[in-house]
PDB file of N, CA and C in Angstrom:
ATOM      1  N   MET A   1       0.867  -1.197   0.016  1.00  0.00           N
ATOM      2  CA  MET A   1       0.043  -0.091  -0.056  1.00  0.00           C
ATOM      3  C   MET A   1       0.886   1.261  -0.033  1.00  0.00           C
ATOM      4  N   GLN A   2       0.659   2.107  -0.831  1.00  0.00           N
ATOM      5  CA  GLN A   2       1.410   3.449  -0.901  1.00  0.00           C
ATOM      6  C   GLN A   2       0.755   4.462   0.007  1.00  0.00           C
ATOM      7  N   LYS A   3       1.602   5.304   0.373  1.00  0.00           N
ATOM      8  CA  LYS A   3       1.069   6.592   1.259  1.00  0.00           C
ATOM      9  C   LYS A   3       1.592   7.771   0.505  1.00  0.00           C
ATOM     10  N   ILE A   4       0.748   8.877   0.584  1.00  0.00           N
ATOM     11  CA  ILE A   4       1.081  10.033   0.174  1.00  0.00           C
ATOM     12  C   ILE A   4       0.682  11.189   1.150  1.00  0.00           C
ATOM     13  N   ASN A   5       1.503  12.185   1.415  1.00  0.00           N
ATOM     14  CA  ASN A   5       1.117  13.300   2.240  1.00  0.00           C
ATOM     15  C   ASN A   5       0.371  14.359   1.416  1.00  0.00           C
ATOM     16  N   LEU A   6      -0.871  14.690   1.905  1.00  0.00           N
ATOM     17  CA  LEU A   6      -1.605  15.646   1.155  1.00  0.00           C
ATOM     18  C   LEU A   6      -1.893  16.855   2.057  1.00  0.00           C
ATOM     19  N   LYS A   7      -2.192  17.914   1.452  1.00  0.00           N
ATOM     20  CA  LYS A   7      -2.501  19.233   2.242  1.00  0.00           C
ATOM     21  C   LYS A   7      -3.905  19.717   1.940  1.00  0.00           C
ATOM     22  N   ASN A   8      -4.703  19.885   2.933  1.00  0.00           N
ATOM     23  CA  ASN A   8      -6.001  20.287   2.842  1.00  0.00           C
ATOM     24  C   ASN A   8      -6.291  21.592   3.461  1.00  0.00           C
ATOM     25  N   ALA A   9      -7.253  22.325   2.932  1.00  0.00           N
ATOM     26  CA  ALA A   9      -7.666  23.584   3.597  1.00  0.00           C
ATOM     27  C   ALA A   9      -9.167  23.460   3.975  1.00  0.00           C
ATOM     28  N   VAL A  10      -9.505  24.019   5.038  1.00  0.00           N
ATOM     29  CA  VAL A  10     -10.913  23.995   5.529  1.00  0.00           C
ATOM     30  C   VAL A  10     -11.399  25.326   5.970  1.00  0.00           C
ATOM     31  N   TRP A  11     -12.554  25.742   5.623  1.00  0.00           N
ATOM     32  CA  TRP A  11     -13.184  27.039   6.039  1.00  0.00           C
ATOM     33  C   TRP A  11     -14.660  26.814   5.984  1.00  0.00           C
ATOM     34  N   LYS A  12     -15.203  27.919   6.701  1.00  0.00           N
ATOM     35  CA  LYS A  12     -16.672  27.936   6.828  1.00  0.00           C
ATOM     36  C   LYS A  12     -17.232  28.867   5.732  1.00  0.00           C
ATOM     37  N   GLU A  13     -18.274  28.237   5.027  1.00  0.00           N
ATOM     38  CA  GLU A  13     -19.004  29.058   3.967  1.00  0.00           C
ATOM     39  C   GLU A  13     -20.429  28.947   4.251  1.00  0.00           C
ATOM     40  N   ASP A  14     -21.067  30.047   4.752  1.00  0.00           N
ATOM     41  CA  ASP A  14     -22.422  30.074   5.173  1.00  0.00           C
ATOM     42  C   ASP A  14     -22.538  29.046   6.260  1.00  0.00           C
ATOM     43  N   LYS A  15     -23.459  28.079   6.162  1.00  0.00           N
ATOM     44  CA  LYS A  15     -23.646  27.093   7.321  1.00  0.00           C
ATOM     45  C   LYS A  15     -22.810  25.943   7.247  1.00  0.00           C
ATOM     46  N   TYR A  16     -22.040  25.665   6.143  1.00  0.00           N
ATOM     47  CA  TYR A  16     -21.285  24.566   5.953  1.00  0.00           C
ATOM     48  C   TYR A  16     -19.821  24.774   6.079  1.00  0.00           C
ATOM     49  N   PHE A  17     -19.076  23.744   6.289  1.00  0.00           N
ATOM     50  CA  PHE A  17     -17.576  23.739   6.318  1.00  0.00           C
ATOM     51  C   PHE A  17     -17.173  23.132   4.899  1.00  0.00           C
ATOM     52  N   VAL A  18     -16.269  23.779   4.298  1.00  0.00           N
ATOM     53  CA  VAL A  18     -15.705  23.267   3.027  1.00  0.00           C
ATOM     54  C   VAL A  18     -14.293  22.750   3.283  1.00  0.00           C
ATOM     55  N   ALA A  19     -14.014  21.563   2.727  1.00  0.00           N
ATOM     56  CA  ALA A  19     -12.603  20.962   2.809  1.00  0.00           C
ATOM     57  C   ALA A  19     -12.192  20.855   1.397  1.00  0.00           C
ATOM     58  N   TRP A  20     -10.975  21.380   1.101  1.00  0.00           N
ATOM     59  CA  TRP A  20     -10.440  21.360  -0.260  1.00  0.00           C
ATOM     60  C   TRP A  20      -9.030  20.837  -0.201  1.00  0.00           C
ATOM     61  N   ASN A  21      -8.685  19.738  -1.063  1.00  0.00           N
ATOM     62  CA  ASN A  21      -7.458  19.244  -1.092  1.00  0.00           C
ATOM     63  C   ASN A  21      -6.543  20.036  -2.131  1.00  0.00           C
ATOM     64  N   LEU A  22      -5.472  20.569  -1.699  1.00  0.00           N
ATOM     65  CA  LEU A  22      -4.648  21.378  -2.592  1.00  0.00           C
ATOM     66  C   LEU A  22      -3.904  20.558  -3.634  1.00  0.00           C
ATOM     67  N   ASN A  23      -3.563  19.325  -3.357  1.00  0.00           N
ATOM     68  CA  ASN A  23      -2.860  18.595  -4.316  1.00  0.00           C
ATOM     69  C   ASN A  23      -3.696  18.085  -5.453  1.00  0.00           C
ATOM     70  N   THR A  24      -5.030  17.982  -5.342  1.00  0.00           N
ATOM     71  CA  THR A  24      -5.765  17.385  -6.383  1.00  0.00           C
ATOM     72  C   THR A  24      -6.950  18.358  -6.866  1.00  0.00           C
ATOM     73  N   VAL A  25      -7.254  19.405  -6.096  1.00  0.00           N
ATOM     74  CA  VAL A  25      -8.215  20.370  -6.317  1.00  0.00           C
ATOM     75  C   VAL A  25      -9.584  19.654  -6.072  1.00  0.00           C
ATOM     76  N   ILE A  26      -9.662  18.603  -5.397  1.00  0.00           N
ATOM     77  CA  ILE A  26     -10.976  18.019  -4.969  1.00  0.00           C
ATOM     78  C   ILE A  26     -11.376  18.537  -3.622  1.00  0.00           C
ATOM     79  N   SER A  27     -12.699  18.853  -3.665  1.00  0.00           N
ATOM     80  CA  SER A  27     -13.288  19.346  -2.368  1.00  0.00           C
ATOM     81  C   SER A  27     -14.612  18.621  -2.046  1.00  0.00           C
ATOM     82  N   SER A  28     -15.039  18.864  -0.784  1.00  0.00           N
ATOM     83  CA  SER A  28     -16.240  18.351  -0.199  1.00  0.00           C
ATOM     84  C   SER A  28     -16.695  19.182   0.907  1.00  0.00           C
ATOM     85  N   PHE A  29     -17.815  18.810   1.566  1.00  0.00           N
ATOM     86  CA  PHE A  29     -18.386  19.820   2.503  1.00  0.00           C
ATOM     87  C   PHE A  29     -19.092  19.068   3.600  1.00  0.00           C
ATOM     88  N   GLY A  30     -19.426  19.616   4.798  1.00  0.00           N
ATOM     89  CA  GLY A  30     -20.085  18.946   5.822  1.00  0.00           C
ATOM     90  C   GLY A  30     -20.590  19.963   6.733  1.00  0.00           C
ATOM     91  N   ASP A  31     -21.444  19.593   7.719  1.00  0.00           N
ATOM     92  CA  ASP A  31     -21.951  20.438   8.798  1.00  0.00           C
ATOM     93  C   ASP A  31     -20.811  20.834   9.773  1.00  0.00           C
ATOM     94  N   THR A  32     -19.829  20.086   9.900  1.00  0.00           N
ATOM     95  CA  THR A  32     -18.734  20.312  10.844  1.00  0.00           C
ATOM     96  C   THR A  32     -17.430  20.233  10.132  1.00  0.00           C
ATOM     97  N   LYS A  33     -16.367  20.677  10.681  1.00  0.00           N
ATOM     98  CA  LYS A  33     -15.005  20.436  10.038  1.00  0.00           C
ATOM     99  C   LYS A  33     -14.810  18.975   9.913  1.00  0.00           C
ATOM    100  N   LYS A  34     -15.017  18.257  10.949  1.00  0.00           N
ATOM    101  CA  LYS A  34     -14.730  16.817  10.992  1.00  0.00           C
ATOM    102  C   LYS A  34     -15.473  16.089   9.817  1.00  0.00           C
ATOM    103  N   GLU A  35     -16.855  16.469   9.648  1.00  0.00           N
ATOM    104  CA  GLU A  35     -17.663  15.909   8.618  1.00  0.00           C
ATOM    105  C   GLU A  35     -17.039  16.279   7.231  1.00  0.00           C
ATOM    106  N   ALA A  36     -16.620  17.502   7.024  1.00  0.00           N
ATOM    107  CA  ALA A  36     -16.179  17.937   5.746  1.00  0.00           C
ATOM    108  C   ALA A  36     -14.844  17.173   5.395  1.00  0.00           C
ATOM    109  N   LEU A  37     -13.996  16.994   6.462  1.00  0.00           N
ATOM    110  CA  LEU A  37     -12.652  16.272   6.239  1.00  0.00           C
ATOM    111  C   LEU A  37     -12.909  14.756   5.963  1.00  0.00           C
ATOM    112  N   GLU A  38     -13.945  14.196   6.625  1.00  0.00           N
ATOM    113  CA  GLU A  38     -14.244  12.813   6.379  1.00  0.00           C
ATOM    114  C   GLU A  38     -14.827  12.629   4.980  1.00  0.00           C
ATOM    115  N   SER A  39     -15.608  13.610   4.543  1.00  0.00           N
ATOM    116  CA  SER A  39     -16.196  13.489   3.191  1.00  0.00           C
ATOM    117  C   SER A  39     -15.030  13.676   2.140  1.00  0.00           C
ATOM    118  N   LEU A  40     -14.155  14.534   2.431  1.00  0.00           N
ATOM    119  CA  LEU A  40     -12.965  14.767   1.546  1.00  0.00           C
ATOM    120  C   LEU A  40     -12.118  13.502   1.464  1.00  0.00           C
ATOM    121  N   GLN A  41     -11.920  12.814   2.581  1.00  0.00           N
ATOM    122  CA  GLN A  41     -11.186  11.643   2.633  1.00  0.00           C
ATOM    123  C   GLN A  41     -11.833  10.525   1.620  1.00  0.00           C
ATOM    124  N   GLU A  42     -13.083  10.432   1.791  1.00  0.00           N
ATOM    125  CA  GLU A  42     -13.790   9.447   0.956  1.00  0.00           C
ATOM    126  C   GLU A  42     -13.714   9.833  -0.499  1.00  0.00           C
ATOM    127  N   ALA A  43     -13.764  11.054  -0.775  1.00  0.00           N
ATOM    128  CA  ALA A  43     -13.727  11.603  -2.275  1.00  0.00           C
ATOM    129  C   ALA A  43     -12.344  11.382  -2.821  1.00  0.00           C
ATOM    130  N   LEU A  44     -11.248  11.524  -1.997  1.00  0.00           N
ATOM    131  CA  LEU A  44      -9.893  11.239  -2.327  1.00  0.00           C
ATOM    132  C   LEU A  44      -9.611   9.742  -2.570  1.00  0.00           C
ATOM    133  N   GLU A  45     -10.125   8.995  -1.726  1.00  0.00           N
ATOM    134  CA  GLU A  45     -10.005   7.476  -1.880  1.00  0.00           C
ATOM    135  C   GLU A  45     -10.543   7.046  -3.183  1.00  0.00           C
ATOM    136  N   LEU A  46     -11.735   7.577  -3.547  1.00  0.00           N
ATOM    137  CA  LEU A  46     -12.375   7.189  -4.851  1.00  0.00           C
ATOM    138  C   LEU A  46     -11.555   7.755  -5.977  1.00  0.00           C
ATOM    139  N   TYR A  47     -11.019   8.951  -5.882  1.00  0.00           N
ATOM    140  CA  TYR A  47     -10.241   9.631  -6.906  1.00  0.00           C
ATOM    141  C   TYR A  47      -8.927   8.756  -7.193  1.00  0.00           C
ATOM    142  N   PHE A  48      -8.413   8.363  -6.039  1.00  0.00           N
ATOM    143  CA  PHE A  48      -7.027   7.632  -6.304  1.00  0.00           C
ATOM    144  C   PHE A  48      -7.256   6.147  -6.682  1.00  0.00           C
ATOM    145  N   GLU A  49      -8.481   5.664  -6.691  1.00  0.00           N
ATOM    146  CA  GLU A  49      -8.806   4.319  -7.296  1.00  0.00           C
ATOM    147  C   GLU A  49      -8.470   4.210  -8.686  1.00  0.00           C
ATOM    148  N   ASP A  50      -8.874   5.337  -9.422  1.00  0.00           N
ATOM    149  CA  ASP A  50      -8.686   5.373 -10.905  1.00  0.00           C
ATOM    150  C   ASP A  50      -7.512   6.296 -11.369  1.00  0.00           C
ATOM    151  N   MET A  51      -6.937   6.978 -10.400  1.00  0.00           N
ATOM    152  CA  MET A  51      -5.891   7.969 -10.835  1.00  0.00           C
ATOM    153  C   MET A  51      -4.556   7.616 -10.201  1.00  0.00           C
ATOM    154  N   PRO A  52      -3.425   7.490 -10.813  1.00  0.00           N
ATOM    155  CA  PRO A  52      -2.173   7.289 -10.206  1.00  0.00           C
ATOM    156  C   PRO A  52      -1.721   8.353  -9.258  1.00  0.00           C
ATOM    157  N   ILE A  53      -1.130   7.952  -8.076  1.00  0.00           N
ATOM    158  CA  ILE A  53      -0.593   8.910  -7.077  1.00  0.00           C
ATOM    159  C   ILE A  53       0.167   9.953  -7.773  1.00  0.00           C
ATOM    160  N   SER A  54       0.965   9.675  -8.727  1.00  0.00           N
ATOM    161  CA  SER A  54       1.855  10.606  -9.470  1.00  0.00           C
ATOM    162  C   SER A  54       1.035  11.856  -9.979  1.00  0.00           C
ATOM    163  N   LYS A  55      -0.239  11.752 -10.255  1.00  0.00           N
ATOM    164  CA  LYS A  55      -1.043  12.897 -10.665  1.00  0.00           C
ATOM    165  C   LYS A  55      -1.306  13.938  -9.644  1.00  0.00           C
ATOM    166  N   ALA A  56      -0.962  13.617  -8.311  1.00  0.00           N
ATOM    167  CA  ALA A  56      -1.067  14.640  -7.325  1.00  0.00           C
ATOM    168  C   ALA A  56       0.014  15.633  -7.391  1.00  0.00           C
ATOM    169  N   VAL A  57      -0.279  16.938  -7.357  1.00  0.00           N
ATOM    170  CA  VAL A  57       0.608  17.978  -7.336  1.00  0.00           C
ATOM    171  C   VAL A  57       1.282  18.094  -6.041  1.00  0.00           C
ATOM    172  N   LYS A  58       2.652  18.155  -5.988  1.00  0.00           N
ATOM    173  CA  LYS A  58       3.316  18.279  -4.697  1.00  0.00           C
ATOM    174  C   LYS A  58       3.229  19.773  -4.215  1.00  0.00           C
ATOM    175  N   VAL A  59       2.699  19.916  -3.070  1.00  0.00           N
ATOM    176  CA  VAL A  59       2.548  21.308  -2.503  1.00  0.00           C
ATOM    177  C   VAL A  59       3.722  21.363  -1.422  1.00  0.00           C
ATOM    178  N   GLU A  60       4.661  22.147  -1.688  1.00  0.00           N
ATOM    179  CA  GLU A  60       5.802  22.247  -0.779  1.00  0.00           C
ATOM    180  C   GLU A  60       5.435  23.186   0.485  1.00  0.00           C
ATOM    181  N   ARG A  61       5.044  24.383   0.187  1.00  0.00           N
ATOM    182  CA  ARG A  61       4.791  25.359   1.154  1.00  0.00           C
ATOM    183  C   ARG A  61       3.574  26.164   0.683  1.00  0.00           C
ATOM    184  N   LEU A  62       2.663  26.412   1.590  1.00  0.00           N
ATOM    185  CA  LEU A  62       1.406  27.131   1.198  1.00  0.00           C
ATOM    186  C   LEU A  62       1.514  28.574   1.863  1.00  0.00           C
ATOM    187  N   ASP A  63       1.302  29.526   1.159  1.00  0.00           N
ATOM    188  CA  ASP A  63       1.280  30.925   1.553  1.00  0.00           C
ATOM    189  C   ASP A  63      -0.082  31.429   1.255  1.00  0.00           C
ATOM    190  N   ILE A  64      -0.854  31.972   2.158  1.00  0.00           N
ATOM    191  CA  ILE A  64      -2.186  32.667   1.899  1.00  0.00           C
ATOM    192  C   ILE A  64      -1.844  34.077   1.715  1.00  0.00           C
ATOM    193  N   ILE A  65      -2.193  34.580   0.497  1.00  0.00           N
ATOM    194  CA  ILE A  65      -1.883  35.978   0.110  1.00  0.00           C
ATOM    195  C   ILE A  65      -3.211  36.624  -0.127  1.00  0.00           C
ATOM    196  N   PRO A  66      -3.538  37.570   0.708  1.00  0.00           N
ATOM    197  CA  PRO A  66      -4.816  38.279   0.429  1.00  0.00           C
ATOM    198  C   PRO A  66      -4.753  39.275  -0.666  1.00  0.00           C
ATOM    199  N   SER A  67      -5.799  39.422  -1.415  1.00  0.00           N
ATOM    200  CA  SER A  67      -5.749  40.391  -2.501  1.00  0.00           C
ATOM    201  C   SER A  67      -7.095  41.115  -2.496  1.00  0.00           C
ATOM    202  N   VAL A  68      -7.153  42.212  -3.234  1.00  0.00           N
ATOM    203  CA  VAL A  68      -8.461  42.995  -3.344  1.00  0.00           C
ATOM    204  C   VAL A  68      -8.749  43.009  -4.844  1.00  0.00           C
ATOM    205  N   LEU A  69      -9.960  42.786  -5.174  1.00  0.00           N
ATOM    206  CA  LEU A  69     -10.376  42.846  -6.607  1.00  0.00           C
ATOM    207  C   LEU A  69     -11.520  43.948  -6.684  1.00  0.00           C
ATOM    208  N   GLU A  70     -11.342  44.905  -7.545  1.00  0.00           N
ATOM    209  CA  GLU A  70     -12.394  45.876  -7.788  1.00  0.00           C
ATOM    210  C   GLU A  70     -13.081  45.537  -9.077  1.00  0.00           C
ATOM    211  N   TYR A  71     -14.331  45.456  -8.992  1.00  0.00           N
ATOM    212  CA  TYR A  71     -15.150  45.216 -10.247  1.00  0.00           C
ATOM    213  C   TYR A  71     -16.347  46.029 -10.323  1.00  0.00           C
ATOM    214  N   ALA A  72     -16.908  46.140 -11.481  1.00  0.00           N
ATOM    215  CA  ALA A  72     -18.148  46.879 -11.787  1.00  0.00           C
ATOM    216  C   ALA A  72     -19.369  46.151 -11.533  1.00  0.00           C
TER     217      ALA A  72
END
């Protein structure tokens, strides 16, 4: 069995928590952080059933950079 270290982000959006995997751009959600991460884990397991681990992008270091967008 192979192992891969993945990086996930979790945030609250309205009444749900969103969990997003940075290595694959797969996301899921739940009523709690724990539920969102459990749903994401399940989605990732299904994803890697058909996709080689080598398709996951390696995320070395994550920097959150805020920006402002002006629009009409």
